[in-house]
Amino acid sequence: MTDYLIFGPGRVGTSMASYLQHLGHSVVLIGRTEADTGQNRCAKLIQEADIIGVALPDDDLSAWYDHWADIVAGKTVIHFSGALTIDGMNSFHPLYSFPKTTLPVVKMEKIAFACPVDGPNFNVVFPNAPNPHFEISDHDRARYHALAVLTGNLASYIWNEAAQELSNLTNEPPEKIFESYLRGVIDRFVESPTSSLTGPIARKDVLTVEKNLDGLSGNPNLKKLYDAFLTTAWPEYPSAVPQPAQDDDTKID
């Protein structure tokens, strides 16, 4: 059994604490108020813990470490940021979008973790955890996390904007209409992770793309995103648009 102390009872911290307890470990979860007002107790808990996890917002991690540096010296300290590299701490980033409620074990154990190249082994930090995991160097960490933001956060933003538009059009719950479609998108990705693009841009359907752009004219945010998508995925598009025939003004005397 491993003794964990986790700072931050937010989405990640709460689910991680519950999961580690399920795996048979001892976990103490510390909130911000308790950390601020009960520092003597926190210092004692740090000394007793085998592993200290810091599940705070990325912008707060360096300040947390600076505050506790003397006490955590020699301890295994981890954080859950995907983008940041902080001296004295090791990043174990769960590649998942956590809910506000505690995530069930059946889902937790499938989450892949991005681990440090030169840090402690995943199985040492999380004994008995069956999760898939992979190594990311400090040099590549920002690139890795940017990919996660694009595939997850950007997609969520587009889904949210489109859901609002669809609600305005149909007066129906957007999840009722979009769910099977979005699951189909995921299924196509699983079938072919590097070539799952379908739709008018994949087919090079000029007329449909023009209709799409016209249809989004009332939503500048989505129109800009569609334009960026078009420019990236089909850079030849402008030259593929048929040009109107010009009148021949040449006169023959």
Foldseek 3Di string as FASTA:
>chain_A
DFEEEEEDCFQVRVQVQVLLVVLPYHYDYHYPVCVVPVVVVVLVSLVVGQEYEYEDPPVCVQVVCVVCVVSNVPHAYEYADQADDDPPYWHWHFLDDGDRDHDDNVVVLATETEGEPPDDDPCVVRPPRNYHYDYDYNVCRNVVVVVSCVVPVVVVVVLVVVQVVVCVVPVDRSCVVCVVVVVVLVVLCVVPVPDSDDDCLVVVPLVVLVVVLVVCPVPVVVNVVSVVVCCVSPVCNVVPDDDDDDDDPDDDD
